[in-house]
């Protein structure tokens, strides 16, 4: 199992990961380190554990907001699917009605044509 050296707030950690995940893990660690560095600048060095907890809470808050947006989008998709089903049903009924009208019109035209041919 590969291991990656990551640095968070100036401290190095050796983290194990699955094969092929090394680059992704390094990117995640860099993102977390950037958050921790931003917090350290804004609140001062409050200690690694506290900074990590604060960064984790901020990232979890962002994740929660994204999940809420996904839930809203999913609900909107379901609403649109239901609306589409109703519209498709109405369209099918209209197509049937148009077909009936065309069949009736064709029958009348054939009747007129037959009378003209007989005259």
PDB file of N, CA and C in Angstrom:
ATOM      1  N   UNK A   1       0.857  -1.175   0.000  1.00  0.00           N
ATOM      2  CA  UNK A   1       0.000   0.000   0.000  1.00  0.00           C
ATOM      3  C   UNK A   1       0.902   1.237   0.000  1.00  0.00           C
ATOM      4  N   UNK A   2       0.699   2.126  -0.977  1.00  0.00           N
ATOM      5  CA  UNK A   2       1.541   3.327  -1.052  1.00  0.00           C
ATOM      6  C   UNK A   2       1.300   4.265   0.126  1.00  0.00           C
ATOM      7  N   UNK A   3       2.304   5.031   0.424  1.00  0.00           N
ATOM      8  CA  UNK A   3       2.204   6.049   1.462  1.00  0.00           C
ATOM      9  C   UNK A   3       2.656   7.379   0.872  1.00  0.00           C
ATOM     10  N   UNK A   4       2.020   8.453   1.309  1.00  0.00           N
ATOM     11  CA  UNK A   4       2.311   9.782   0.797  1.00  0.00           C
ATOM     12  C   UNK A   4       2.675  10.674   1.968  1.00  0.00           C
ATOM     13  N   UNK A   5       3.725  11.443   1.796  1.00  0.00           N
ATOM     14  CA  UNK A   5       4.089  12.456   2.792  1.00  0.00           C
ATOM     15  C   UNK A   5       3.294  13.709   2.469  1.00  0.00           C
ATOM     16  N   UNK A   6       2.511  14.176   3.419  1.00  0.00           N
ATOM     17  CA  UNK A   6       1.767  15.412   3.249  1.00  0.00           C
ATOM     18  C   UNK A   6       2.173  16.376   4.350  1.00  0.00           C
ATOM     19  N   UNK A   7       2.010  17.654   4.075  1.00  0.00           N
ATOM     20  CA  UNK A   7       2.359  18.676   5.052  1.00  0.00           C
ATOM     21  C   UNK A   7       1.140  19.532   5.333  1.00  0.00           C
ATOM     22  N   UNK A   8       0.756  19.589   6.595  1.00  0.00           N
ATOM     23  CA  UNK A   8      -0.365  20.411   7.033  1.00  0.00           C
ATOM     24  C   UNK A   8       0.161  21.352   8.113  1.00  0.00           C
ATOM     25  N   UNK A   9       0.061  22.637   7.858  1.00  0.00           N
ATOM     26  CA  UNK A   9       0.495  23.660   8.803  1.00  0.00           C
ATOM     27  C   UNK A   9       1.953  23.446   9.241  1.00  0.00           C
ATOM     28  N   UNK A  10       2.783  23.084   8.272  1.00  0.00           N
ATOM     29  CA  UNK A  10       4.202  22.920   8.556  1.00  0.00           C
ATOM     30  C   UNK A  10       4.586  21.594   9.185  1.00  0.00           C
ATOM     31  N   UNK A  11       3.629  20.738   9.430  1.00  0.00           N
ATOM     32  CA  UNK A  11       3.935  19.418   9.997  1.00  0.00           C
ATOM     33  C   UNK A  11       3.768  18.357   8.926  1.00  0.00           C
ATOM     34  N   UNK A  12       4.654  17.405   8.919  1.00  0.00           N
ATOM     35  CA  UNK A  12       4.633  16.350   7.920  1.00  0.00           C
ATOM     36  C   UNK A  12       3.930  15.114   8.482  1.00  0.00           C
ATOM     37  N   UNK A  13       3.103  14.519   7.642  1.00  0.00           N
ATOM     38  CA  UNK A  13       2.377  13.299   8.020  1.00  0.00           C
ATOM     39  C   UNK A  13       2.564  12.276   6.910  1.00  0.00           C
ATOM     40  N   UNK A  14       2.701  11.025   7.295  1.00  0.00           N
ATOM     41  CA  UNK A  14       2.798   9.930   6.337  1.00  0.00           C
ATOM     42  C   UNK A  14       1.435   9.239   6.306  1.00  0.00           C
ATOM     43  N   UNK A  15       0.766   9.316   5.154  1.00  0.00           N
ATOM     44  CA  UNK A  15      -0.596   8.813   5.028  1.00  0.00           C
ATOM     45  C   UNK A  15      -0.625   7.688   3.992  1.00  0.00           C
ATOM     46  N   UNK A  16      -1.254   6.584   4.344  1.00  0.00           N
ATOM     47  CA  UNK A  16      -1.403   5.461   3.413  1.00  0.00           C
ATOM     48  C   UNK A  16      -2.623   5.692   2.518  1.00  0.00           C
ATOM     49  N   UNK A  17      -2.540   5.167   1.301  1.00  0.00           N
ATOM     50  CA  UNK A  17      -3.664   5.292   0.374  1.00  0.00           C
ATOM     51  C   UNK A  17      -3.650   4.100  -0.581  1.00  0.00           C
ATOM     52  N   UNK A  18      -4.697   3.991  -1.383  1.00  0.00           N
ATOM     53  CA  UNK A  18      -4.764   2.925  -2.381  1.00  0.00           C
ATOM     54  C   UNK A  18      -3.845   3.246  -3.550  1.00  0.00           C
ATOM     55  N   UNK A  19      -3.465   2.221  -4.286  1.00  0.00           N
ATOM     56  CA  UNK A  19      -2.643   2.414  -5.474  1.00  0.00           C
ATOM     57  C   UNK A  19      -3.317   3.384  -6.426  1.00  0.00           C
ATOM     58  N   UNK A  20      -2.543   4.301  -6.961  1.00  0.00           N
ATOM     59  CA  UNK A  20      -3.058   5.260  -7.923  1.00  0.00           C
ATOM     60  C   UNK A  20      -3.728   6.479  -7.307  1.00  0.00           C
ATOM     61  N   UNK A  21      -3.858   6.513  -5.993  1.00  0.00           N
ATOM     62  CA  UNK A  21      -4.520   7.627  -5.312  1.00  0.00           C
ATOM     63  C   UNK A  21      -3.543   8.647  -4.741  1.00  0.00           C
ATOM     64  N   UNK A  22      -2.265   8.440  -4.984  1.00  0.00           N
ATOM     65  CA  UNK A  22      -1.247   9.296  -4.384  1.00  0.00           C
ATOM     66  C   UNK A  22      -1.426  10.771  -4.770  1.00  0.00           C
ATOM     67  N   UNK A  23      -1.603  11.028  -6.054  1.00  0.00           N
ATOM     68  CA  UNK A  23      -1.735  12.417  -6.523  1.00  0.00           C
ATOM     69  C   UNK A  23      -2.991  13.065  -5.943  1.00  0.00           C
ATOM     70  N   UNK A  24      -4.073  12.309  -5.914  1.00  0.00           N
ATOM     71  CA  UNK A  24      -5.330  12.842  -5.377  1.00  0.00           C
ATOM     72  C   UNK A  24      -5.181  13.166  -3.889  1.00  0.00           C
ATOM     73  N   UNK A  25      -4.559  12.264  -3.165  1.00  0.00           N
ATOM     74  CA  UNK A  25      -4.330  12.498  -1.726  1.00  0.00           C
ATOM     75  C   UNK A  25      -3.463  13.732  -1.513  1.00  0.00           C
ATOM     76  N   UNK A  26      -2.456  13.904  -2.336  1.00  0.00           N
ATOM     77  CA  UNK A  26      -1.598  15.087  -2.227  1.00  0.00           C
ATOM     78  C   UNK A  26      -2.390  16.362  -2.495  1.00  0.00           C
ATOM     79  N   UNK A  27      -3.284  16.326  -3.479  1.00  0.00           N
ATOM     80  CA  UNK A  27      -4.137  17.489  -3.778  1.00  0.00           C
ATOM     81  C   UNK A  27      -5.064  17.804  -2.608  1.00  0.00           C
ATOM     82  N   UNK A  28      -5.660  16.764  -2.023  1.00  0.00           N
ATOM     83  CA  UNK A  28      -6.542  16.973  -0.874  1.00  0.00           C
ATOM     84  C   UNK A  28      -5.773  17.580   0.296  1.00  0.00           C
ATOM     85  N   UNK A  29      -4.587  17.059   0.540  1.00  0.00           N
ATOM     86  CA  UNK A  29      -3.768  17.579   1.639  1.00  0.00           C
ATOM     87  C   UNK A  29      -3.390  19.031   1.385  1.00  0.00           C
ATOM     88  N   UNK A  30      -3.077  19.365   0.143  1.00  0.00           N
ATOM     89  CA  UNK A  30      -2.730  20.754  -0.190  1.00  0.00           C
ATOM     90  C   UNK A  30      -3.932  21.671   0.040  1.00  0.00           C
ATOM     91  N   UNK A  31      -5.117  21.198  -0.300  1.00  0.00           N
ATOM     92  CA  UNK A  31      -6.331  21.988  -0.078  1.00  0.00           C
ATOM     93  C   UNK A  31      -6.568  22.205   1.417  1.00  0.00           C
ATOM     94  N   UNK A  32      -6.423  21.143   2.195  1.00  0.00           N
ATOM     95  CA  UNK A  32      -6.598  21.256   3.646  1.00  0.00           C
ATOM     96  C   UNK A  32      -5.528  22.178   4.232  1.00  0.00           C
ATOM     97  N   UNK A  33      -4.295  22.046   3.778  1.00  0.00           N
ATOM     98  CA  UNK A  33      -3.227  22.903   4.279  1.00  0.00           C
ATOM     99  C   UNK A  33      -3.528  24.367   3.970  1.00  0.00           C
ATOM    100  N   UNK A  34      -4.039  24.650   2.774  1.00  0.00           N
ATOM    101  CA  UNK A  34      -4.385  26.031   2.416  1.00  0.00           C
ATOM    102  C   UNK A  34      -5.449  26.570   3.360  1.00  0.00           C
ATOM    103  N   UNK A  35      -6.446  25.748   3.681  1.00  0.00           N
ATOM    104  CA  UNK A  35      -7.495  26.172   4.626  1.00  0.00           C
ATOM    105  C   UNK A  35      -6.911  26.455   5.996  1.00  0.00           C
ATOM    106  N   UNK A  36      -6.077  25.558   6.451  1.00  0.00           N
ATOM    107  CA  UNK A  36      -5.477  25.727   7.776  1.00  0.00           C
ATOM    108  C   UNK A  36      -4.610  26.983   7.791  1.00  0.00           C
ATOM    109  N   UNK A  37      -3.863  27.222   6.727  1.00  0.00           N
ATOM    110  CA  UNK A  37      -3.020  28.421   6.650  1.00  0.00           C
ATOM    111  C   UNK A  37      -3.870  29.690   6.683  1.00  0.00           C
ATOM    112  N   UNK A  38      -5.010  29.679   5.962  1.00  0.00           N
ATOM    113  CA  UNK A  38      -5.917  30.831   5.979  1.00  0.00           C
ATOM    114  C   UNK A  38      -6.441  31.079   7.393  1.00  0.00           C
ATOM    115  N   UNK A  39      -6.822  30.002   8.063  1.00  0.00           N
ATOM    116  CA  UNK A  39      -7.313  30.144   9.435  1.00  0.00           C
ATOM    117  C   UNK A  39      -6.220  30.669  10.359  1.00  0.00           C
ATOM    118  N   UNK A  40      -5.011  30.159  10.197  1.00  0.00           N
ATOM    119  CA  UNK A  40      -3.905  30.590  11.048  1.00  0.00           C
ATOM    120  C   UNK A  40      -3.656  32.086  10.881  1.00  0.00           C
ATOM    121  N   UNK A  41      -3.818  32.581   9.654  1.00  0.00           N
ATOM    122  CA  UNK A  41      -3.629  34.012   9.410  1.00  0.00           C
ATOM    123  C   UNK A  41      -4.760  34.806  10.051  1.00  0.00           C
ATOM    124  N   UNK A  42      -5.999  34.300   9.938  1.00  0.00           N
ATOM    125  CA  UNK A  42      -7.138  35.080  10.438  1.00  0.00           C
ATOM    126  C   UNK A  42      -7.343  34.973  11.947  1.00  0.00           C
ATOM    127  N   UNK A  43      -7.067  33.809  12.539  1.00  0.00           N
ATOM    128  CA  UNK A  43      -7.302  33.664  13.987  1.00  0.00           C
ATOM    129  C   UNK A  43      -6.009  33.521  14.781  1.00  0.00           C
ATOM    130  N   UNK A  44      -4.896  33.429  14.074  1.00  0.00           N
ATOM    131  CA  UNK A  44      -3.620  33.230  14.760  1.00  0.00           C
ATOM    132  C   UNK A  44      -3.368  31.747  14.970  1.00  0.00           C
ATOM    133  N   UNK A  45      -2.151  31.435  15.345  1.00  0.00           N
ATOM    134  CA  UNK A  45      -1.807  30.033  15.583  1.00  0.00           C
ATOM    135  C   UNK A  45      -2.530  29.562  16.842  1.00  0.00           C
ATOM    136  N   UNK A  46      -3.594  28.827  16.642  1.00  0.00           N
ATOM    137  CA  UNK A  46      -4.399  28.345  17.762  1.00  0.00           C
ATOM    138  C   UNK A  46      -4.060  26.901  18.102  1.00  0.00           C
ATOM    139  N   UNK A  47      -2.990  26.390  17.540  1.00  0.00           N
ATOM    140  CA  UNK A  47      -2.625  24.999  17.759  1.00  0.00           C
ATOM    141  C   UNK A  47      -3.161  24.130  16.639  1.00  0.00           C
ATOM    142  N   UNK A  48      -2.360  23.131  16.258  1.00  0.00           N
ATOM    143  CA  UNK A  48      -2.741  22.267  15.139  1.00  0.00           C
ATOM    144  C   UNK A  48      -4.103  21.602  15.317  1.00  0.00           C
ATOM    145  N   UNK A  49      -4.360  20.991  16.465  1.00  0.00           N
ATOM    146  CA  UNK A  49      -5.662  20.314  16.592  1.00  0.00           C
ATOM    147  C   UNK A  49      -6.842  21.273  16.397  1.00  0.00           C
ATOM    148  N   UNK A  50      -6.760  22.429  17.016  1.00  0.00           N
ATOM    149  CA  UNK A  50      -7.857  23.399  16.906  1.00  0.00           C
ATOM    150  C   UNK A  50      -8.008  23.897  15.469  1.00  0.00           C
ATOM    151  N   UNK A  51      -6.898  24.215  14.816  1.00  0.00           N
ATOM    152  CA  UNK A  51      -6.956  24.668  13.431  1.00  0.00           C
ATOM    153  C   UNK A  51      -7.527  23.583  12.517  1.00  0.00           C
ATOM    154  N   UNK A  52      -7.118  22.344  12.750  1.00  0.00           N
ATOM    155  CA  UNK A  52      -7.635  21.240  11.936  1.00  0.00           C
ATOM    156  C   UNK A  52      -9.133  21.042  12.157  1.00  0.00           C
ATOM    157  N   UNK A  53      -9.570  21.161  13.397  1.00  0.00           N
ATOM    158  CA  UNK A  53     -11.002  21.036  13.690  1.00  0.00           C
ATOM    159  C   UNK A  53     -11.768  22.172  13.011  1.00  0.00           C
ATOM    160  N   UNK A  54     -11.263  23.381  13.115  1.00  0.00           N
ATOM    161  CA  UNK A  54     -11.935  24.525  12.499  1.00  0.00           C
ATOM    162  C   UNK A  54     -11.990  24.362  10.979  1.00  0.00           C
ATOM    163  N   UNK A  55     -10.879  23.955  10.375  1.00  0.00           N
ATOM    164  CA  UNK A  55     -10.851  23.744   8.922  1.00  0.00           C
ATOM    165  C   UNK A  55     -11.819  22.631   8.533  1.00  0.00           C
ATOM    166  N   UNK A  56     -11.831  21.570   9.313  1.00  0.00           N
ATOM    167  CA  UNK A  56     -12.761  20.462   9.042  1.00  0.00           C
ATOM    168  C   UNK A  56     -14.212  20.899   9.133  1.00  0.00           C
ATOM    169  N   UNK A  57     -14.522  21.718  10.130  1.00  0.00           N
ATOM    170  CA  UNK A  57     -15.892  22.224  10.280  1.00  0.00           C
ATOM    171  C   UNK A  57     -16.273  23.131   9.108  1.00  0.00           C
ATOM    172  N   UNK A  58     -15.347  23.972   8.683  1.00  0.00           N
ATOM    173  CA  UNK A  58     -15.629  24.850   7.546  1.00  0.00           C
ATOM    174  C   UNK A  58     -15.878  24.034   6.276  1.00  0.00           C
ATOM    175  N   UNK A  59     -15.046  23.034   6.062  1.00  0.00           N
ATOM    176  CA  UNK A  59     -15.201  22.204   4.866  1.00  0.00           C
ATOM    177  C   UNK A  59     -16.487  21.375   4.945  1.00  0.00           C
ATOM    178  N   UNK A  60     -16.813  20.910   6.138  1.00  0.00           N
ATOM    179  CA  UNK A  60     -18.052  20.158   6.313  1.00  0.00           C
ATOM    180  C   UNK A  60     -19.261  21.048   6.088  1.00  0.00           C
ATOM    181  N   UNK A  61     -19.178  22.300   6.510  1.00  0.00           N
ATOM    182  CA  UNK A  61     -20.256  23.260   6.270  1.00  0.00           C
ATOM    183  C   UNK A  61     -20.447  23.467   4.768  1.00  0.00           C
ATOM    184  N   UNK A  62     -19.353  23.634   4.044  1.00  0.00           N
ATOM    185  CA  UNK A  62     -19.444  23.799   2.590  1.00  0.00           C
ATOM    186  C   UNK A  62     -20.032  22.556   1.942  1.00  0.00           C
ATOM    187  N   UNK A  63     -19.601  21.387   2.398  1.00  0.00           N
ATOM    188  CA  UNK A  63     -20.133  20.132   1.873  1.00  0.00           C
ATOM    189  C   UNK A  63     -21.634  20.028   2.137  1.00  0.00           C
ATOM    190  N   UNK A  64     -22.051  20.438   3.326  1.00  0.00           N
ATOM    191  CA  UNK A  64     -23.468  20.408   3.678  1.00  0.00           C
ATOM    192  C   UNK A  64     -24.278  21.320   2.749  1.00  0.00           C
ATOM    193  N   UNK A  65     -23.756  22.496   2.466  1.00  0.00           N
ATOM    194  CA  UNK A  65     -24.440  23.426   1.553  1.00  0.00           C
ATOM    195  C   UNK A  65     -24.530  22.841   0.156  1.00  0.00           C
ATOM    196  N   UNK A  66     -23.470  22.187  -0.291  1.00  0.00           N
ATOM    197  CA  UNK A  66     -23.476  21.560  -1.620  1.00  0.00           C
ATOM    198  C   UNK A  66     -24.488  20.424  -1.652  1.00  0.00           C
ATOM    199  N   UNK A  67     -24.541  19.620  -0.605  1.00  0.00           N
ATOM    200  CA  UNK A  67     -25.509  18.525  -0.540  1.00  0.00           C
ATOM    201  C   UNK A  67     -26.935  19.058  -0.563  1.00  0.00           C
ATOM    202  N   UNK A  68     -27.173  20.174   0.126  1.00  0.00           N
ATOM    203  CA  UNK A  68     -28.507  20.776   0.117  1.00  0.00           C
ATOM    204  C   UNK A  68     -28.862  21.231  -1.299  1.00  0.00           C
ATOM    205  N   UNK A  69     -27.898  21.804  -2.012  1.00  0.00           N
ATOM    206  CA  UNK A  69     -28.155  22.221  -3.395  1.00  0.00           C
ATOM    207  C   UNK A  69     -28.448  21.021  -4.283  1.00  0.00           C
ATOM    208  N   UNK A  70     -27.709  19.938  -4.082  1.00  0.00           N
ATOM    209  CA  UNK A  70     -27.984  18.723  -4.844  1.00  0.00           C
ATOM    210  C   UNK A  70     -29.392  18.218  -4.556  1.00  0.00           C
ATOM    211  N   UNK A  71     -29.804  18.256  -3.301  1.00  0.00           N
ATOM    212  CA  UNK A  71     -31.155  17.813  -2.938  1.00  0.00           C
ATOM    213  C   UNK A  71     -32.200  18.693  -3.616  1.00  0.00           C
ATOM    214  N   UNK A  72     -31.950  20.014  -3.644  1.00  0.00           N
ATOM    215  CA  UNK A  72     -32.870  20.922  -4.337  1.00  0.00           C
ATOM    216  C   UNK A  72     -32.932  20.587  -5.822  1.00  0.00           C
ATOM    217  N   UNK A  73     -31.770  20.332  -6.419  1.00  0.00           N
ATOM    218  CA  UNK A  73     -31.726  20.003  -7.851  1.00  0.00           C
ATOM    219  C   UNK A  73     -32.445  18.687  -8.119  1.00  0.00           C
ATOM    220  N   UNK A  74     -32.238  17.710  -7.235  1.00  0.00           N
ATOM    221  CA  UNK A  74     -32.917  16.425  -7.395  1.00  0.00           C
ATOM    222  C   UNK A  74     -34.433  16.597  -7.325  1.00  0.00           C
ATOM    223  N   UNK A  75     -34.897  17.425  -6.387  1.00  0.00           N
ATOM    224  CA  UNK A  75     -36.335  17.679  -6.268  1.00  0.00           C
ATOM    225  C   UNK A  75     -36.853  18.382  -7.522  1.00  0.00           C
ATOM    226  N   UNK A  76     -36.076  19.323  -8.037  1.00  0.00           N
ATOM    227  CA  UNK A  76     -36.474  20.028  -9.264  1.00  0.00           C
ATOM    228  C   UNK A  76     -36.522  19.068 -10.450  1.00  0.00           C
ATOM    229  N   UNK A  77     -35.569  18.165 -10.529  1.00  0.00           N
ATOM    230  CA  UNK A  77     -35.561  17.165 -11.604  1.00  0.00           C
ATOM    231  C   UNK A  77     -36.801  16.284 -11.504  1.00  0.00           C
ATOM    232  N   UNK A  78     -37.142  15.855 -10.303  1.00  0.00           N
ATOM    233  CA  UNK A  78     -38.334  15.017 -10.126  1.00  0.00           C
ATOM    234  C   UNK A  78     -39.597  15.781 -10.505  1.00  0.00           C
ATOM    235  N   UNK A  79     -39.663  17.073 -10.141  1.00  0.00           N
ATOM    236  CA  UNK A  79     -40.819  17.893 -10.505  1.00  0.00           C
ATOM    237  C   UNK A  79     -40.914  18.027 -12.018  1.00  0.00           C
ATOM    238  N   UNK A  80     -39.789  18.254 -12.656  1.00  0.00           N
ATOM    239  CA  UNK A  80     -39.783  18.393 -14.115  1.00  0.00           C
ATOM    240  C   UNK A  80     -40.129  17.075 -14.809  1.00  0.00           C
ATOM    241  N   UNK A  81     -39.681  15.955 -14.249  1.00  0.00           N
ATOM    242  CA  UNK A  81     -40.042  14.650 -14.810  1.00  0.00           C
ATOM    243  C   UNK A  81     -41.545  14.431 -14.737  1.00  0.00           C
ATOM    244  N   UNK A  82     -42.148  14.792 -13.598  1.00  0.00           N
ATOM    245  CA  UNK A  82     -43.599  14.644 -13.439  1.00  0.00           C
ATOM    246  C   UNK A  82     -44.328  15.551 -14.425  1.00  0.00           C
ATOM    247  N   UNK A  83     -43.840  16.775 -14.574  1.00  0.00           N
ATOM    248  CA  UNK A  83     -44.439  17.721 -15.514  1.00  0.00           C
ATOM    249  C   UNK A  83     -44.310  17.207 -16.944  1.00  0.00           C
ATOM    250  N   UNK A  84     -43.177  16.633 -17.260  1.00  0.00           N
ATOM    251  CA  UNK A  84     -42.957  16.066 -18.589  1.00  0.00           C
ATOM    252  C   UNK A  84     -43.903  14.901 -18.845  1.00  0.00           C
ATOM    253  N   UNK A  85     -44.121  14.069 -17.843  1.00  0.00           N
ATOM    254  CA  UNK A  85     -45.032  12.930 -18.001  1.00  0.00           C
ATOM    255  C   UNK A  85     -46.452  13.415 -18.285  1.00  0.00           C
ATOM    256  N   UNK A  86     -46.889  14.461 -17.568  1.00  0.00           N
ATOM    257  CA  UNK A  86     -48.223  15.019 -17.795  1.00  0.00           C
ATOM    258  C   UNK A  86     -48.309  15.612 -19.203  1.00  0.00           C
ATOM    259  N   UNK A  87     -47.273  16.325 -19.614  1.00  0.00           N
ATOM    260  CA  UNK A  87     -47.253  16.932 -20.939  1.00  0.00           C
ATOM    261  C   UNK A  87     -47.247  15.858 -22.026  1.00  0.00           C
ATOM    262  N   UNK A  88     -46.481  14.797 -21.825  1.00  0.00           N
ATOM    263  CA  UNK A  88     -46.424  13.710 -22.805  1.00  0.00           C
ATOM    264  C   UNK A  88     -47.784  13.029 -22.922  1.00  0.00           C
ATOM    265  N   UNK A  89     -48.467  12.867 -21.799  1.00  0.00           N
ATOM    266  CA  UNK A  89     -49.802  12.253 -21.820  1.00  0.00           C
ATOM    267  C   UNK A  89     -50.781  13.151 -22.582  1.00  0.00           C
ATOM    268  N   UNK A  90     -50.732  14.446 -22.332  1.00  0.00           N
ATOM    269  CA  UNK A  90     -51.605  15.388 -23.036  1.00  0.00           C
ATOM    270  C   UNK A  90     -51.293  15.386 -24.527  1.00  0.00           C
ATOM    271  N   UNK A  91     -50.023  15.316 -24.872  1.00  0.00           N
ATOM    272  CA  UNK A  91     -49.626  15.279 -26.279  1.00  0.00           C
ATOM    273  C   UNK A  91     -50.160  14.023 -26.953  1.00  0.00           C
ATOM    274  N   UNK A  92     -50.076  12.897 -26.285  1.00  0.00           N
ATOM    275  CA  UNK A  92     -50.585  11.642 -26.851  1.00  0.00           C
ATOM    276  C   UNK A  92     -52.096  11.741 -27.095  1.00  0.00           C
ATOM    277  N   UNK A  93     -52.820  12.341 -26.146  1.00  0.00           N
ATOM    278  CA  UNK A  93     -54.264  12.512 -26.316  1.00  0.00           C
ATOM    279  C   UNK A  93     -54.556  13.435 -27.493  1.00  0.00           C
ATOM    280  N   UNK A  94     -53.774  14.519 -27.604  1.00  0.00           N
ATOM    281  CA  UNK A  94     -53.971  15.439 -28.721  1.00  0.00           C
ATOM    282  C   UNK A  94     -53.665  14.773 -30.055  1.00  0.00           C
ATOM    283  N   UNK A  95     -52.623  13.952 -30.078  1.00  0.00           N
ATOM    284  CA  UNK A  95     -52.286  13.238 -31.312  1.00  0.00           C
ATOM    285  C   UNK A  95     -53.424  12.302 -31.705  1.00  0.00           C
ATOM    286  N   UNK A  96     -54.026  11.621 -30.727  1.00  0.00           N
ATOM    287  CA  UNK A  96     -55.159  10.735 -31.014  1.00  0.00           C
ATOM    288  C   UNK A  96     -56.336  11.541 -31.558  1.00  0.00           C
ATOM    289  N   UNK A  97     -56.586  12.690 -30.968  1.00  0.00           N
ATOM    290  CA  UNK A  97     -57.703  13.536 -31.416  1.00  0.00           C
ATOM    291  C   UNK A  97     -57.454  14.048 -32.834  1.00  0.00           C
ATOM    292  N   UNK A  98     -56.230  14.478 -33.130  1.00  0.00           N
ATOM    293  CA  UNK A  98     -55.893  14.944 -34.479  1.00  0.00           C
ATOM    294  C   UNK A  98     -56.044  13.800 -35.478  1.00  0.00           C
ATOM    295  N   UNK A  99     -55.618  12.604 -35.097  1.00  0.00           N
ATOM    296  CA  UNK A  99     -55.760  11.450 -35.982  1.00  0.00           C
ATOM    297  C   UNK A  99     -57.236  11.169 -36.277  1.00  0.00           C
ATOM    298  N   UNK A 100     -58.094  11.268 -35.255  1.00  0.00           N
ATOM    299  CA  UNK A 100     -59.531  11.061 -35.461  1.00  0.00           C
ATOM    300  C   UNK A 100     -60.093  12.116 -36.415  1.00  0.00           C
ATOM    301  N   UNK A 101     -59.701  13.364 -36.231  1.00  0.00           N
ATOM    302  CA  UNK A 101     -60.181  14.447 -37.099  1.00  0.00           C
ATOM    303  C   UNK A 101     -59.725  14.206 -38.530  1.00  0.00           C
ATOM    304  N   UNK A 102     -58.445  13.836 -38.716  1.00  0.00           N
ATOM    305  CA  UNK A 102     -57.933  13.570 -40.061  1.00  0.00           C
ATOM    306  C   UNK A 102     -58.639  12.380 -40.708  1.00  0.00           C
ATOM    307  N   UNK A 103     -58.901  11.351 -39.929  1.00  0.00           N
ATOM    308  CA  UNK A 103     -59.619  10.189 -40.475  1.00  0.00           C
ATOM    309  C   UNK A 103     -61.034  10.581 -40.893  1.00  0.00           C
ATOM    310  N   UNK A 104     -61.697  11.384 -40.068  1.00  0.00           N
ATOM    311  CA  UNK A 104     -63.047  11.851 -40.423  1.00  0.00           C
ATOM    312  C   UNK A 104     -63.020  12.725 -41.661  1.00  0.00           C
ATOM    313  N   UNK A 105     -62.041  13.608 -41.739  1.00  0.00           N
ATOM    314  CA  UNK A 105     -61.907  14.482 -42.906  1.00  0.00           C
ATOM    315  C   UNK A 105     -61.624  13.662 -44.156  1.00  0.00           C
ATOM    316  N   UNK A 106     -60.763  12.674 -44.038  1.00  0.00           N
ATOM    317  CA  UNK A 106     -60.448  11.810 -45.180  1.00  0.00           C
ATOM    318  C   UNK A 106     -61.691  11.055 -45.639  1.00  0.00           C
ATOM    319  N   UNK A 107     -62.486  10.595 -44.697  1.00  0.00           N
ATOM    320  CA  UNK A 107     -63.715   9.871 -45.056  1.00  0.00           C
ATOM    321  C   UNK A 107     -64.677  10.802 -45.793  1.00  0.00           C
ATOM    322  N   UNK A 108     -64.818  12.043 -45.334  1.00  0.00           N
ATOM    323  CA  UNK A 108     -65.702  12.993 -46.008  1.00  0.00           C
ATOM    324  C   UNK A 108     -65.199  13.309 -47.419  1.00  0.00           C
ATOM    325  N   UNK A 109     -63.875  13.473 -47.556  1.00  0.00           N
ATOM    326  CA  UNK A 109     -63.306  13.763 -48.869  1.00  0.00           C
ATOM    327  C   UNK A 109     -63.543  12.585 -49.811  1.00  0.00           C
ATOM    328  N   UNK A 110     -63.368  11.362 -49.303  1.00  0.00           N
ATOM    329  CA  UNK A 110     -63.628  10.184 -50.128  1.00  0.00           C
ATOM    330  C   UNK A 110     -65.083  10.096 -50.530  1.00  0.00           C
ATOM    331  N   UNK A 111     -65.963  10.486 -49.617  1.00  0.00           N
ATOM    332  CA  UNK A 111     -67.403  10.503 -49.958  1.00  0.00           C
ATOM    333  C   UNK A 111     -67.720  11.522 -51.059  1.00  0.00           C
ATOM    334  N   UNK A 112     -67.133  12.689 -50.924  1.00  0.00           N
ATOM    335  CA  UNK A 112     -67.331  13.731 -51.948  1.00  0.00           C
ATOM    336  C   UNK A 112     -66.760  13.271 -53.277  1.00  0.00           C
ATOM    337  N   UNK A 113     -65.565  12.675 -53.242  1.00  0.00           N
ATOM    338  CA  UNK A 113     -64.934  12.181 -54.464  1.00  0.00           C
ATOM    339  C   UNK A 113     -65.780  11.098 -55.097  1.00  0.00           C
ATOM    340  N   UNK A 114     -66.373  10.233 -54.311  1.00  0.00           N
ATOM    341  CA  UNK A 114     -67.229   9.166 -54.858  1.00  0.00           C
ATOM    342  C   UNK A 114     -68.467   9.735 -55.507  1.00  0.00           C
ATOM    343  N   UNK A 115     -69.062  10.780 -54.873  1.00  0.00           N
ATOM    344  CA  UNK A 115     -70.255  11.399 -55.452  1.00  0.00           C
ATOM    345  C   UNK A 115     -69.902  12.107 -56.757  1.00  0.00           C
ATOM    346  N   UNK A 116     -68.748  12.758 -56.803  1.00  0.00           N
ATOM    347  CA  UNK A 116     -68.342  13.431 -58.010  1.00  0.00           C
ATOM    348  C   UNK A 116     -68.068  12.437 -59.146  1.00  0.00           C
ATOM    349  N   UNK A 117     -67.501  11.310 -58.787  1.00  0.00           N
ATOM    350  CA  UNK A 117     -67.197  10.287 -59.792  1.00  0.00           C
ATOM    351  C   UNK A 117     -68.496   9.682 -60.341  1.00  0.00           C
ATOM    352  N   UNK A 118     -69.489   9.610 -59.493  1.00  0.00           N
ATOM    353  CA  UNK A 118     -70.762   9.025 -59.905  1.00  0.00           C
ATOM    354  C   UNK A 118     -71.582  10.027 -60.728  1.00  0.00           C
ATOM    355  N   UNK A 119     -71.319  11.289 -60.603  1.00  0.00           N
ATOM    356  CA  UNK A 119     -72.122  12.290 -61.310  1.00  0.00           C
ATOM    357  C   UNK A 119     -71.731  12.481 -62.747  1.00  0.00           C
TER     358      UNK A 119
END
